[in-house]
Amino acid sequence: MINTIRFFDDREVRAVWDEENSKWWFSVLDIVAVLTGQHDYAKTRNYWKYLKAKLKKEKSELVSVTTQLKLTAADGKQYKSDMLDYNGIIALGKTFQGTKANRFIEWFTFSEESIDGKSNIKTI
């Protein structure tokens, strides 16, 4: 597995390439932190725990497609973390209201304003 870090508004969004399934998995906690503007890991984790329980109660497919993969934490150790694929992240982003969520989804989907989008424009 290949680990990468992307940045949205100078905030880390960790991702893991799953060679077996040929897709990227993204850290749910990183995205929740970005969308809530939270810098405290414990508060972010509690927010995700609450949101996950709420979505599960609503029988949202988002919770069932969450998987756990090991990510390197700030202390340098690897811990299992909830991860979602591309479609899951789009669905998660849509559960948040406001312009920040809209900007995140636009960035995440590799718009012309994203780093990847700008790189694509330069190569054309």
PDB file of N, CA and C in Angstrom:
ATOM      1  N   MET A   1       0.842  -1.183   0.000  1.00  0.00           N
ATOM      2  CA  MET A   1       0.000   0.000   0.000  1.00  0.00           C
ATOM      3  C   MET A   1       0.884   1.242   0.000  1.00  0.00           C
ATOM      4  N   ILE A   2       0.446   2.243  -0.755  1.00  0.00           N
ATOM      5  CA  ILE A   2       1.167   3.501  -0.859  1.00  0.00           C
ATOM      6  C   ILE A   2       0.393   4.557  -0.078  1.00  0.00           C
ATOM      7  N   ASN A   3       1.078   5.275   0.815  1.00  0.00           N
ATOM      8  CA  ASN A   3       0.456   6.337   1.596  1.00  0.00           C
ATOM      9  C   ASN A   3       0.836   7.684   1.003  1.00  0.00           C
ATOM     10  N   THR A   4      -0.127   8.597   0.912  1.00  0.00           N
ATOM     11  CA  THR A   4       0.141   9.955   0.455  1.00  0.00           C
ATOM     12  C   THR A   4      -0.589  10.937   1.354  1.00  0.00           C
ATOM     13  N   ILE A   5      -0.178  12.183   1.254  1.00  0.00           N
ATOM     14  CA  ILE A   5      -0.851  13.256   1.975  1.00  0.00           C
ATOM     15  C   ILE A   5      -1.167  14.349   0.963  1.00  0.00           C
ATOM     16  N   ARG A   6      -2.402  14.803   0.994  1.00  0.00           N
ATOM     17  CA  ARG A   6      -2.823  15.938   0.176  1.00  0.00           C
ATOM     18  C   ARG A   6      -3.236  17.037   1.153  1.00  0.00           C
ATOM     19  N   PHE A   7      -3.286  18.242   0.677  1.00  0.00           N
ATOM     20  CA  PHE A   7      -3.621  19.354   1.564  1.00  0.00           C
ATOM     21  C   PHE A   7      -4.819  20.128   1.047  1.00  0.00           C
ATOM     22  N   PHE A   8      -5.734  20.401   1.954  1.00  0.00           N
ATOM     23  CA  PHE A   8      -6.879  21.267   1.679  1.00  0.00           C
ATOM     24  C   PHE A   8      -6.839  22.369   2.729  1.00  0.00           C
ATOM     25  N   ASP A   9      -6.731  23.614   2.303  1.00  0.00           N
ATOM     26  CA  ASP A   9      -6.604  24.748   3.235  1.00  0.00           C
ATOM     27  C   ASP A   9      -5.511  24.490   4.273  1.00  0.00           C
ATOM     28  N   ASP A  10      -4.386  24.003   3.822  1.00  0.00           N
ATOM     29  CA  ASP A  10      -3.229  23.692   4.677  1.00  0.00           C
ATOM     30  C   ASP A  10      -3.509  22.626   5.734  1.00  0.00           C
ATOM     31  N   ARG A  11      -4.518  21.803   5.514  1.00  0.00           N
ATOM     32  CA  ARG A  11      -4.842  20.698   6.415  1.00  0.00           C
ATOM     33  C   ARG A  11      -4.573  19.390   5.703  1.00  0.00           C
ATOM     34  N   GLU A  12      -3.986  18.444   6.413  1.00  0.00           N
ATOM     35  CA  GLU A  12      -3.655  17.141   5.829  1.00  0.00           C
ATOM     36  C   GLU A  12      -4.896  16.302   5.563  1.00  0.00           C
ATOM     37  N   VAL A  13      -4.876  15.636   4.426  1.00  0.00           N
ATOM     38  CA  VAL A  13      -5.866  14.613   4.099  1.00  0.00           C
ATOM     39  C   VAL A  13      -5.048  13.400   3.657  1.00  0.00           C
ATOM     40  N   ARG A  14      -4.961  12.416   4.545  1.00  0.00           N
ATOM     41  CA  ARG A  14      -4.148  11.232   4.253  1.00  0.00           C
ATOM     42  C   ARG A  14      -4.925  10.254   3.374  1.00  0.00           C
ATOM     43  N   ALA A  15      -4.178   9.606   2.491  1.00  0.00           N
ATOM     44  CA  ALA A  15      -4.788   8.644   1.566  1.00  0.00           C
ATOM     45  C   ALA A  15      -3.883   7.423   1.441  1.00  0.00           C
ATOM     46  N   VAL A  16      -4.500   6.290   1.137  1.00  0.00           N
ATOM     47  CA  VAL A  16      -3.784   5.028   0.958  1.00  0.00           C
ATOM     48  C   VAL A  16      -4.229   4.418  -0.362  1.00  0.00           C
ATOM     49  N   TRP A  17      -3.271   4.022  -1.203  1.00  0.00           N
ATOM     50  CA  TRP A  17      -3.577   3.346  -2.461  1.00  0.00           C
ATOM     51  C   TRP A  17      -3.696   1.861  -2.192  1.00  0.00           C
ATOM     52  N   ASP A  18      -4.831   1.300  -2.543  1.00  0.00           N
ATOM     53  CA  ASP A  18      -5.107  -0.126  -2.385  1.00  0.00           C
ATOM     54  C   ASP A  18      -4.859  -0.796  -3.738  1.00  0.00           C
ATOM     55  N   GLU A  19      -3.707  -1.397  -3.882  1.00  0.00           N
ATOM     56  CA  GLU A  19      -3.304  -2.022  -5.144  1.00  0.00           C
ATOM     57  C   GLU A  19      -4.265  -3.145  -5.536  1.00  0.00           C
ATOM     58  N   GLU A  20      -4.669  -3.934  -4.560  1.00  0.00           N
ATOM     59  CA  GLU A  20      -5.537  -5.083  -4.830  1.00  0.00           C
ATOM     60  C   GLU A  20      -6.871  -4.671  -5.459  1.00  0.00           C
ATOM     61  N   ASN A  21      -7.447  -3.575  -4.948  1.00  0.00           N
ATOM     62  CA  ASN A  21      -8.740  -3.112  -5.452  1.00  0.00           C
ATOM     63  C   ASN A  21      -8.615  -1.927  -6.409  1.00  0.00           C
ATOM     64  N   SER A  22      -7.391  -1.488  -6.655  1.00  0.00           N
ATOM     65  CA  SER A  22      -7.102  -0.364  -7.560  1.00  0.00           C
ATOM     66  C   SER A  22      -7.918   0.885  -7.240  1.00  0.00           C
ATOM     67  N   LYS A  23      -7.837   1.314  -5.970  1.00  0.00           N
ATOM     68  CA  LYS A  23      -8.514   2.541  -5.595  1.00  0.00           C
ATOM     69  C   LYS A  23      -7.866   3.176  -4.372  1.00  0.00           C
ATOM     70  N   TRP A  24      -8.147   4.471  -4.220  1.00  0.00           N
ATOM     71  CA  TRP A  24      -7.659   5.229  -3.078  1.00  0.00           C
ATOM     72  C   TRP A  24      -8.661   5.144  -1.935  1.00  0.00           C
ATOM     73  N   TRP A  25      -8.123   5.092  -0.726  1.00  0.00           N
ATOM     74  CA  TRP A  25      -8.918   5.183   0.494  1.00  0.00           C
ATOM     75  C   TRP A  25      -8.457   6.440   1.225  1.00  0.00           C
ATOM     76  N   PHE A  26      -9.396   7.211   1.771  1.00  0.00           N
ATOM     77  CA  PHE A  26      -9.088   8.484   2.403  1.00  0.00           C
ATOM     78  C   PHE A  26      -9.496   8.469   3.866  1.00  0.00           C
ATOM     79  N   SER A  27      -8.708   9.143   4.688  1.00  0.00           N
ATOM     80  CA  SER A  27      -8.953   9.188   6.121  1.00  0.00           C
ATOM     81  C   SER A  27     -10.216   9.987   6.442  1.00  0.00           C
ATOM     82  N   VAL A  28     -11.164   9.325   7.075  1.00  0.00           N
ATOM     83  CA  VAL A  28     -12.410   9.972   7.457  1.00  0.00           C
ATOM     84  C   VAL A  28     -12.133  11.061   8.496  1.00  0.00           C
ATOM     85  N   LEU A  29     -11.280  10.771   9.465  1.00  0.00           N
ATOM     86  CA  LEU A  29     -11.000  11.752  10.509  1.00  0.00           C
ATOM     87  C   LEU A  29     -10.365  13.018   9.950  1.00  0.00           C
ATOM     88  N   ASP A  30      -9.475  12.872   8.973  1.00  0.00           N
ATOM     89  CA  ASP A  30      -8.854  14.048   8.362  1.00  0.00           C
ATOM     90  C   ASP A  30      -9.910  14.906   7.686  1.00  0.00           C
ATOM     91  N   ILE A  31     -10.852  14.281   7.017  1.00  0.00           N
ATOM     92  CA  ILE A  31     -11.876  15.023   6.288  1.00  0.00           C
ATOM     93  C   ILE A  31     -12.878  15.649   7.251  1.00  0.00           C
ATOM     94  N   VAL A  32     -13.233  14.930   8.298  1.00  0.00           N
ATOM     95  CA  VAL A  32     -14.119  15.502   9.313  1.00  0.00           C
ATOM     96  C   VAL A  32     -13.441  16.717   9.965  1.00  0.00           C
ATOM     97  N   ALA A  33     -12.152  16.619  10.240  1.00  0.00           N
ATOM     98  CA  ALA A  33     -11.416  17.745  10.825  1.00  0.00           C
ATOM     99  C   ALA A  33     -11.431  18.953   9.888  1.00  0.00           C
ATOM    100  N   VAL A  34     -11.233  18.707   8.608  1.00  0.00           N
ATOM    101  CA  VAL A  34     -11.257  19.783   7.616  1.00  0.00           C
ATOM    102  C   VAL A  34     -12.635  20.433   7.564  1.00  0.00           C
ATOM    103  N   LEU A  35     -13.669  19.621   7.485  1.00  0.00           N
ATOM    104  CA  LEU A  35     -15.022  20.143   7.304  1.00  0.00           C
ATOM    105  C   LEU A  35     -15.591  20.816   8.554  1.00  0.00           C
ATOM    106  N   THR A  36     -15.112  20.419   9.721  1.00  0.00           N
ATOM    107  CA  THR A  36     -15.584  21.050  10.960  1.00  0.00           C
ATOM    108  C   THR A  36     -14.653  22.169  11.408  1.00  0.00           C
ATOM    109  N   GLY A  37     -13.478  22.259  10.790  1.00  0.00           N
ATOM    110  CA  GLY A  37     -12.504  23.273  11.195  1.00  0.00           C
ATOM    111  C   GLY A  37     -11.870  22.959  12.536  1.00  0.00           C
ATOM    112  N   GLN A  38     -11.927  21.707  12.917  1.00  0.00           N
ATOM    113  CA  GLN A  38     -11.437  21.270  14.223  1.00  0.00           C
ATOM    114  C   GLN A  38      -9.952  20.905  14.160  1.00  0.00           C
ATOM    115  N   HIS A  39      -9.185  21.350  15.156  1.00  0.00           N
ATOM    116  CA  HIS A  39      -7.767  21.009  15.228  1.00  0.00           C
ATOM    117  C   HIS A  39      -7.490  19.989  16.337  1.00  0.00           C
ATOM    118  N   ASP A  40      -8.453  19.746  17.199  1.00  0.00           N
ATOM    119  CA  ASP A  40      -8.287  18.819  18.314  1.00  0.00           C
ATOM    120  C   ASP A  40      -8.687  17.417  17.877  1.00  0.00           C
ATOM    121  N   TYR A  41      -7.721  16.483  17.932  1.00  0.00           N
ATOM    122  CA  TYR A  41      -7.961  15.117  17.462  1.00  0.00           C
ATOM    123  C   TYR A  41      -9.097  14.450  18.230  1.00  0.00           C
ATOM    124  N   ALA A  42      -9.121  14.590  19.555  1.00  0.00           N
ATOM    125  CA  ALA A  42     -10.150  13.927  20.371  1.00  0.00           C
ATOM    126  C   ALA A  42     -11.545  14.452  20.014  1.00  0.00           C
ATOM    127  N   LYS A  43     -11.668  15.750  19.796  1.00  0.00           N
ATOM    128  CA  LYS A  43     -12.971  16.318  19.431  1.00  0.00           C
ATOM    129  C   LYS A  43     -13.395  15.848  18.042  1.00  0.00           C
ATOM    130  N   THR A  44     -12.433  15.761  17.133  1.00  0.00           N
ATOM    131  CA  THR A  44     -12.736  15.268  15.785  1.00  0.00           C
ATOM    132  C   THR A  44     -13.204  13.822  15.848  1.00  0.00           C
ATOM    133  N   ARG A  45     -12.491  13.009  16.607  1.00  0.00           N
ATOM    134  CA  ARG A  45     -12.856  11.601  16.749  1.00  0.00           C
ATOM    135  C   ARG A  45     -14.245  11.451  17.364  1.00  0.00           C
ATOM    136  N   ASN A  46     -14.556  12.255  18.382  1.00  0.00           N
ATOM    137  CA  ASN A  46     -15.880  12.207  19.010  1.00  0.00           C
ATOM    138  C   ASN A  46     -16.967  12.656  18.046  1.00  0.00           C
ATOM    139  N   TYR A  47     -16.683  13.677  17.241  1.00  0.00           N
ATOM    140  CA  TYR A  47     -17.647  14.142  16.255  1.00  0.00           C
ATOM    141  C   TYR A  47     -17.948  13.028  15.257  1.00  0.00           C
ATOM    142  N   TRP A  48     -16.889  12.365  14.758  1.00  0.00           N
ATOM    143  CA  TRP A  48     -17.085  11.267  13.807  1.00  0.00           C
ATOM    144  C   TRP A  48     -17.853  10.124  14.453  1.00  0.00           C
ATOM    145  N   LYS A  49     -17.557   9.827  15.707  1.00  0.00           N
ATOM    146  CA  LYS A  49     -18.256   8.761  16.417  1.00  0.00           C
ATOM    147  C   LYS A  49     -19.755   9.071  16.499  1.00  0.00           C
ATOM    148  N   TYR A  50     -20.088  10.322  16.833  1.00  0.00           N
ATOM    149  CA  TYR A  50     -21.487  10.747  16.901  1.00  0.00           C
ATOM    150  C   TYR A  50     -22.136  10.677  15.520  1.00  0.00           C
ATOM    151  N   LEU A  51     -21.455  11.239  14.513  1.00  0.00           N
ATOM    152  CA  LEU A  51     -22.015  11.254  13.157  1.00  0.00           C
ATOM    153  C   LEU A  51     -22.194   9.835  12.619  1.00  0.00           C
ATOM    154  N   LYS A  52     -21.237   8.976  12.884  1.00  0.00           N
ATOM    155  CA  LYS A  52     -21.302   7.587  12.433  1.00  0.00           C
ATOM    156  C   LYS A  52     -22.509   6.873  13.059  1.00  0.00           C
ATOM    157  N   ALA A  53     -22.723   7.099  14.342  1.00  0.00           N
ATOM    158  CA  ALA A  53     -23.871   6.488  15.029  1.00  0.00           C
ATOM    159  C   ALA A  53     -25.180   7.014  14.442  1.00  0.00           C
ATOM    160  N   LYS A  54     -25.231   8.319  14.167  1.00  0.00           N
ATOM    161  CA  LYS A  54     -26.425   8.929  13.575  1.00  0.00           C
ATOM    162  C   LYS A  54     -26.688   8.344  12.187  1.00  0.00           C
ATOM    163  N   LEU A  55     -25.650   8.235  11.371  1.00  0.00           N
ATOM    164  CA  LEU A  55     -25.802   7.684  10.024  1.00  0.00           C
ATOM    165  C   LEU A  55     -26.209   6.217  10.067  1.00  0.00           C
ATOM    166  N   LYS A  56     -25.646   5.487  11.032  1.00  0.00           N
ATOM    167  CA  LYS A  56     -25.996   4.068  11.180  1.00  0.00           C
ATOM    168  C   LYS A  56     -27.470   3.921  11.556  1.00  0.00           C
ATOM    169  N   LYS A  57     -27.935   4.794  12.442  1.00  0.00           N
ATOM    170  CA  LYS A  57     -29.333   4.779  12.866  1.00  0.00           C
ATOM    171  C   LYS A  57     -30.261   5.073  11.683  1.00  0.00           C
ATOM    172  N   GLU A  58     -29.785   5.942  10.777  1.00  0.00           N
ATOM    173  CA  GLU A  58     -30.550   6.288   9.582  1.00  0.00           C
ATOM    174  C   GLU A  58     -30.391   5.246   8.468  1.00  0.00           C
ATOM    175  N   LYS A  59     -29.633   4.195   8.777  1.00  0.00           N
ATOM    176  CA  LYS A  59     -29.355   3.111   7.834  1.00  0.00           C
ATOM    177  C   LYS A  59     -28.640   3.603   6.570  1.00  0.00           C
ATOM    178  N   SER A  60     -27.744   4.545   6.765  1.00  0.00           N
ATOM    179  CA  SER A  60     -26.954   5.102   5.665  1.00  0.00           C
ATOM    180  C   SER A  60     -25.913   4.084   5.212  1.00  0.00           C
ATOM    181  N   GLU A  61     -25.776   3.936   3.903  1.00  0.00           N
ATOM    182  CA  GLU A  61     -24.769   3.029   3.351  1.00  0.00           C
ATOM    183  C   GLU A  61     -23.354   3.517   3.630  1.00  0.00           C
ATOM    184  N   LEU A  62     -23.225   4.796   3.916  1.00  0.00           N
ATOM    185  CA  LEU A  62     -21.916   5.391   4.161  1.00  0.00           C
ATOM    186  C   LEU A  62     -21.155   4.651   5.258  1.00  0.00           C
ATOM    187  N   VAL A  63     -21.843   4.275   6.305  1.00  0.00           N
ATOM    188  CA  VAL A  63     -21.197   3.572   7.417  1.00  0.00           C
ATOM    189  C   VAL A  63     -20.777   2.168   7.000  1.00  0.00           C
ATOM    190  N   SER A  64     -21.577   1.502   6.199  1.00  0.00           N
ATOM    191  CA  SER A  64     -21.265   0.124   5.815  1.00  0.00           C
ATOM    192  C   SER A  64     -20.096   0.033   4.838  1.00  0.00           C
ATOM    193  N   VAL A  65     -19.796   1.115   4.115  1.00  0.00           N
ATOM    194  CA  VAL A  65     -18.676   1.070   3.163  1.00  0.00           C
ATOM    195  C   VAL A  65     -17.372   1.576   3.775  1.00  0.00           C
ATOM    196  N   THR A  66     -17.423   1.934   5.054  1.00  0.00           N
ATOM    197  CA  THR A  66     -16.214   2.361   5.753  1.00  0.00           C
ATOM    198  C   THR A  66     -15.352   1.132   6.032  1.00  0.00           C
ATOM    199  N   THR A  67     -14.054   1.278   5.782  1.00  0.00           N
ATOM    200  CA  THR A  67     -13.119   0.199   6.093  1.00  0.00           C
ATOM    201  C   THR A  67     -12.038   0.756   7.004  1.00  0.00           C
ATOM    202  N   GLN A  68     -11.267  -0.120   7.617  1.00  0.00           N
ATOM    203  CA  GLN A  68     -10.184   0.342   8.474  1.00  0.00           C
ATOM    204  C   GLN A  68      -8.846  -0.087   7.884  1.00  0.00           C
ATOM    205  N   LEU A  69      -7.947   0.892   7.781  1.00  0.00           N
ATOM    206  CA  LEU A  69      -6.588   0.656   7.320  1.00  0.00           C
ATOM    207  C   LEU A  69      -5.634   1.371   8.267  1.00  0.00           C
ATOM    208  N   LYS A  70      -4.392   0.930   8.285  1.00  0.00           N
ATOM    209  CA  LYS A  70      -3.409   1.561   9.162  1.00  0.00           C
ATOM    210  C   LYS A  70      -2.855   2.828   8.529  1.00  0.00           C
ATOM    211  N   LEU A  71      -2.835   3.892   9.344  1.00  0.00           N
ATOM    212  CA  LEU A  71      -2.259   5.172   8.943  1.00  0.00           C
ATOM    213  C   LEU A  71      -1.244   5.600   9.995  1.00  0.00           C
ATOM    214  N   THR A  72      -0.250   6.332   9.569  1.00  0.00           N
ATOM    215  CA  THR A  72       0.741   6.847  10.495  1.00  0.00           C
ATOM    216  C   THR A  72       0.182   8.085  11.179  1.00  0.00           C
ATOM    217  N   ALA A  73       0.218   8.074  12.503  1.00  0.00           N
ATOM    218  CA  ALA A  73      -0.307   9.184  13.301  1.00  0.00           C
ATOM    219  C   ALA A  73       0.816  10.182  13.594  1.00  0.00           C
ATOM    220  N   ALA A  74       0.455  11.267  14.264  1.00  0.00           N
ATOM    221  CA  ALA A  74       1.418  12.321  14.602  1.00  0.00           C
ATOM    222  C   ALA A  74       2.556  11.802  15.478  1.00  0.00           C
ATOM    223  N   ASP A  75       2.297  10.747  16.259  1.00  0.00           N
ATOM    224  CA  ASP A  75       3.340  10.190  17.125  1.00  0.00           C
ATOM    225  C   ASP A  75       4.262   9.221  16.383  1.00  0.00           C
ATOM    226  N   GLY A  76       4.041   9.048  15.071  1.00  0.00           N
ATOM    227  CA  GLY A  76       4.888   8.183  14.260  1.00  0.00           C
ATOM    228  C   GLY A  76       4.460   6.724  14.241  1.00  0.00           C
ATOM    229  N   LYS A  77       3.501   6.367  15.066  1.00  0.00           N
ATOM    230  CA  LYS A  77       3.011   4.991  15.110  1.00  0.00           C
ATOM    231  C   LYS A  77       1.865   4.813  14.125  1.00  0.00           C
ATOM    232  N   GLN A  78       1.626   3.559  13.756  1.00  0.00           N
ATOM    233  CA  GLN A  78       0.526   3.272  12.844  1.00  0.00           C
ATOM    234  C   GLN A  78      -0.673   2.742  13.628  1.00  0.00           C
ATOM    235  N   TYR A  79      -1.835   3.319  13.314  1.00  0.00           N
ATOM    236  CA  TYR A  79      -3.081   2.922  13.957  1.00  0.00           C
ATOM    237  C   TYR A  79      -4.138   2.683  12.891  1.00  0.00           C
ATOM    238  N   LYS A  80      -5.061   1.763  13.196  1.00  0.00           N
ATOM    239  CA  LYS A  80      -6.185   1.554  12.283  1.00  0.00           C
ATOM    240  C   LYS A  80      -7.080   2.788  12.337  1.00  0.00           C
ATOM    241  N   SER A  81      -7.523   3.199  11.166  1.00  0.00           N
ATOM    242  CA  SER A  81      -8.348   4.388  11.056  1.00  0.00           C
ATOM    243  C   SER A  81      -9.464   4.133  10.052  1.00  0.00           C
ATOM    244  N   ASP A  82     -10.619   4.728  10.301  1.00  0.00           N
ATOM    245  CA  ASP A  82     -11.725   4.607   9.353  1.00  0.00           C
ATOM    246  C   ASP A  82     -11.360   5.292   8.052  1.00  0.00           C
ATOM    247  N   MET A  83     -11.640   4.605   6.955  1.00  0.00           N
ATOM    248  CA  MET A  83     -11.309   5.104   5.621  1.00  0.00           C
ATOM    249  C   MET A  83     -12.533   4.932   4.718  1.00  0.00           C
ATOM    250  N   LEU A  84     -12.648   5.850   3.766  1.00  0.00           N
ATOM    251  CA  LEU A  84     -13.688   5.760   2.745  1.00  0.00           C
ATOM    252  C   LEU A  84     -13.052   5.923   1.376  1.00  0.00           C
ATOM    253  N   ASP A  85     -13.680   5.323   0.378  1.00  0.00           N
ATOM    254  CA  ASP A  85     -13.194   5.492  -0.988  1.00  0.00           C
ATOM    255  C   ASP A  85     -13.763   6.784  -1.563  1.00  0.00           C
ATOM    256  N   TYR A  86     -13.481   7.024  -2.828  1.00  0.00           N
ATOM    257  CA  TYR A  86     -13.886   8.261  -3.505  1.00  0.00           C
ATOM    258  C   TYR A  86     -15.374   8.554  -3.330  1.00  0.00           C
ATOM    259  N   ASN A  87     -16.217   7.588  -3.658  1.00  0.00           N
ATOM    260  CA  ASN A  87     -17.666   7.791  -3.562  1.00  0.00           C
ATOM    261  C   ASN A  87     -18.108   8.018  -2.129  1.00  0.00           C
ATOM    262  N   GLY A  88     -17.481   7.324  -1.201  1.00  0.00           N
ATOM    263  CA  GLY A  88     -17.813   7.505   0.211  1.00  0.00           C
ATOM    264  C   GLY A  88     -17.478   8.903   0.705  1.00  0.00           C
ATOM    265  N   ILE A  89     -16.340   9.433   0.254  1.00  0.00           N
ATOM    266  CA  ILE A  89     -15.936  10.773   0.668  1.00  0.00           C
ATOM    267  C   ILE A  89     -16.885  11.820   0.100  1.00  0.00           C
ATOM    268  N   ILE A  90     -17.312  11.642  -1.136  1.00  0.00           N
ATOM    269  CA  ILE A  90     -18.285  12.573  -1.718  1.00  0.00           C
ATOM    270  C   ILE A  90     -19.573  12.541  -0.894  1.00  0.00           C
ATOM    271  N   ALA A  91     -20.034  11.342  -0.548  1.00  0.00           N
ATOM    272  CA  ALA A  91     -21.250  11.204   0.265  1.00  0.00           C
ATOM    273  C   ALA A  91     -21.050  11.832   1.646  1.00  0.00           C
ATOM    274  N   LEU A  92     -19.890  11.623   2.253  1.00  0.00           N
ATOM    275  CA  LEU A  92     -19.600  12.225   3.561  1.00  0.00           C
ATOM    276  C   LEU A  92     -19.616  13.743   3.455  1.00  0.00           C
ATOM    277  N   GLY A  93     -18.970  14.275   2.435  1.00  0.00           N
ATOM    278  CA  GLY A  93     -18.938  15.726   2.246  1.00  0.00           C
ATOM    279  C   GLY A  93     -20.328  16.325   2.118  1.00  0.00           C
ATOM    280  N   LYS A  94     -21.232  15.586   1.502  1.00  0.00           N
ATOM    281  CA  LYS A  94     -22.602  16.077   1.303  1.00  0.00           C
ATOM    282  C   LYS A  94     -23.417  16.084   2.591  1.00  0.00           C
ATOM    283  N   THR A  95     -22.943  15.392   3.635  1.00  0.00           N
ATOM    284  CA  THR A  95     -23.653  15.420   4.914  1.00  0.00           C
ATOM    285  C   THR A  95     -23.374  16.715   5.675  1.00  0.00           C
ATOM    286  N   PHE A  96     -22.375  17.476   5.232  1.00  0.00           N
ATOM    287  CA  PHE A  96     -22.031  18.749   5.850  1.00  0.00           C
ATOM    288  C   PHE A  96     -22.629  19.880   5.025  1.00  0.00           C
ATOM    289  N   GLN A  97     -23.066  20.928   5.694  1.00  0.00           N
ATOM    290  CA  GLN A  97     -23.658  22.088   5.029  1.00  0.00           C
ATOM    291  C   GLN A  97     -22.611  23.190   4.898  1.00  0.00           C
ATOM    292  N   GLY A  98     -22.804  24.067   3.949  1.00  0.00           N
ATOM    293  CA  GLY A  98     -21.993  25.273   3.870  1.00  0.00           C
ATOM    294  C   GLY A  98     -21.020  25.302   2.715  1.00  0.00           C
ATOM    295  N   THR A  99     -20.423  26.469   2.569  1.00  0.00           N
ATOM    296  CA  THR A  99     -19.508  26.688   1.449  1.00  0.00           C
ATOM    297  C   THR A  99     -18.210  25.908   1.600  1.00  0.00           C
ATOM    298  N   LYS A 100     -17.767  25.676   2.838  1.00  0.00           N
ATOM    299  CA  LYS A 100     -16.532  24.921   3.025  1.00  0.00           C
ATOM    300  C   LYS A 100     -16.702  23.497   2.511  1.00  0.00           C
ATOM    301  N   ALA A 101     -17.835  22.889   2.802  1.00  0.00           N
ATOM    302  CA  ALA A 101     -18.104  21.536   2.309  1.00  0.00           C
ATOM    303  C   ALA A 101     -18.163  21.527   0.796  1.00  0.00           C
ATOM    304  N   ASN A 102     -18.794  22.544   0.217  1.00  0.00           N
ATOM    305  CA  ASN A 102     -18.864  22.629  -1.246  1.00  0.00           C
ATOM    306  C   ASN A 102     -17.478  22.809  -1.854  1.00  0.00           C
ATOM    307  N   ARG A 103     -16.663  23.671  -1.244  1.00  0.00           N
ATOM    308  CA  ARG A 103     -15.294  23.868  -1.736  1.00  0.00           C
ATOM    309  C   ARG A 103     -14.481  22.587  -1.607  1.00  0.00           C
ATOM    310  N   PHE A 104     -14.692  21.867  -0.494  1.00  0.00           N
ATOM    311  CA  PHE A 104     -13.967  20.614  -0.297  1.00  0.00           C
ATOM    312  C   PHE A 104     -14.338  19.606  -1.380  1.00  0.00           C
ATOM    313  N   ILE A 105     -15.620  19.443  -1.637  1.00  0.00           N
ATOM    314  CA  ILE A 105     -16.059  18.486  -2.657  1.00  0.00           C
ATOM    315  C   ILE A 105     -15.500  18.886  -4.017  1.00  0.00           C
ATOM    316  N   GLU A 106     -15.513  20.173  -4.318  1.00  0.00           N
ATOM    317  CA  GLU A 106     -14.953  20.650  -5.584  1.00  0.00           C
ATOM    318  C   GLU A 106     -13.458  20.326  -5.664  1.00  0.00           C
ATOM    319  N   TRP A 107     -12.737  20.590  -4.583  1.00  0.00           N
ATOM    320  CA  TRP A 107     -11.304  20.286  -4.530  1.00  0.00           C
ATOM    321  C   TRP A 107     -11.074  18.781  -4.655  1.00  0.00           C
ATOM    322  N   PHE A 108     -11.872  18.025  -3.923  1.00  0.00           N
ATOM    323  CA  PHE A 108     -11.686  16.578  -3.886  1.00  0.00           C
ATOM    324  C   PHE A 108     -11.940  15.923  -5.241  1.00  0.00           C
ATOM    325  N   THR A 109     -12.859  16.469  -5.990  1.00  0.00           N
ATOM    326  CA  THR A 109     -13.192  15.882  -7.281  1.00  0.00           C
ATOM    327  C   THR A 109     -12.257  16.382  -8.392  1.00  0.00           C
ATOM    328  N   PHE A 110     -11.129  16.974  -7.984  1.00  0.00           N
ATOM    329  CA  PHE A 110     -10.076  17.399  -8.904  1.00  0.00           C
ATOM    330  C   PHE A 110     -10.562  18.443  -9.905  1.00  0.00           C
ATOM    331  N   SER A 111     -11.164  19.472  -9.364  1.00  0.00           N
ATOM    332  CA  SER A 111     -11.583  20.584 -10.211  1.00  0.00           C
ATOM    333  C   SER A 111     -10.353  21.322 -10.719  1.00  0.00           C
ATOM    334  N   GLU A 112     -10.568  22.293 -11.566  1.00  0.00           N
ATOM    335  CA  GLU A 112      -9.461  23.095 -12.081  1.00  0.00           C
ATOM    336  C   GLU A 112      -8.781  23.884 -10.970  1.00  0.00           C
ATOM    337  N   GLU A 113      -9.469  24.092  -9.857  1.00  0.00           N
ATOM    338  CA  GLU A 113      -8.896  24.840  -8.743  1.00  0.00           C
ATOM    339  C   GLU A 113      -8.049  23.967  -7.814  1.00  0.00           C
ATOM    340  N   SER A 114      -8.128  22.658  -7.943  1.00  0.00           N
ATOM    341  CA  SER A 114      -7.347  21.782  -7.073  1.00  0.00           C
ATOM    342  C   SER A 114      -5.911  21.690  -7.577  1.00  0.00           C
ATOM    343  N   ILE A 115      -5.039  21.212  -6.722  1.00  0.00           N
ATOM    344  CA  ILE A 115      -3.639  21.026  -7.113  1.00  0.00           C
ATOM    345  C   ILE A 115      -3.565  20.074  -8.293  1.00  0.00           C
ATOM    346  N   ASP A 116      -4.288  18.958  -8.221  1.00  0.00           N
ATOM    347  CA  ASP A 116      -4.276  17.990  -9.317  1.00  0.00           C
ATOM    348  C   ASP A 116      -4.865  18.601 -10.581  1.00  0.00           C
ATOM    349  N   GLY A 117      -5.918  19.396 -10.410  1.00  0.00           N
ATOM    350  CA  GLY A 117      -6.538  20.033 -11.565  1.00  0.00           C
ATOM    351  C   GLY A 117      -5.601  21.018 -12.242  1.00  0.00           C
ATOM    352  N   LYS A 118      -4.902  21.818 -11.449  1.00  0.00           N
ATOM    353  CA  LYS A 118      -3.950  22.772 -11.992  1.00  0.00           C
ATOM    354  C   LYS A 118      -2.802  22.042 -12.687  1.00  0.00           C
ATOM    355  N   SER A 119      -2.377  20.928 -12.113  1.00  0.00           N
ATOM    356  CA  SER A 119      -1.312  20.131 -12.744  1.00  0.00           C
ATOM    357  C   SER A 119      -1.785  19.587 -14.084  1.00  0.00           C
ATOM    358  N   ASN A 120      -3.022  19.112 -14.144  1.00  0.00           N
ATOM    359  CA  ASN A 120      -3.574  18.601 -15.397  1.00  0.00           C
ATOM    360  C   ASN A 120      -3.639  19.687 -16.460  1.00  0.00           C
ATOM    361  N   ILE A 121      -4.025  20.897 -16.070  1.00  0.00           N
ATOM    362  CA  ILE A 121      -4.113  22.009 -17.017  1.00  0.00           C
ATOM    363  C   ILE A 121      -2.734  22.323 -17.593  1.00  0.00           C
ATOM    364  N   LYS A 122      -1.720  22.316 -16.735  1.00  0.00           N
ATOM    365  CA  LYS A 122      -0.358  22.644 -17.170  1.00  0.00           C
ATOM    366  C   LYS A 122       0.189  21.600 -18.134  1.00  0.00           C
ATOM    367  N   THR A 123      -0.264  20.360 -18.037  1.00  0.00           N
ATOM    368  CA  THR A 123       0.258  19.308 -18.898  1.00  0.00           C
ATOM    369  C   THR A 123      -0.436  19.259 -20.244  1.00  0.00           C
ATOM    370  N   ILE A 124      -1.573  19.917 -20.360  1.00  0.00           N
ATOM    371  CA  ILE A 124      -2.329  19.876 -21.624  1.00  0.00           C
ATOM    372  C   ILE A 124      -1.750  20.848 -22.620  1.00  0.00           C
TER     373      ILE A 124
END
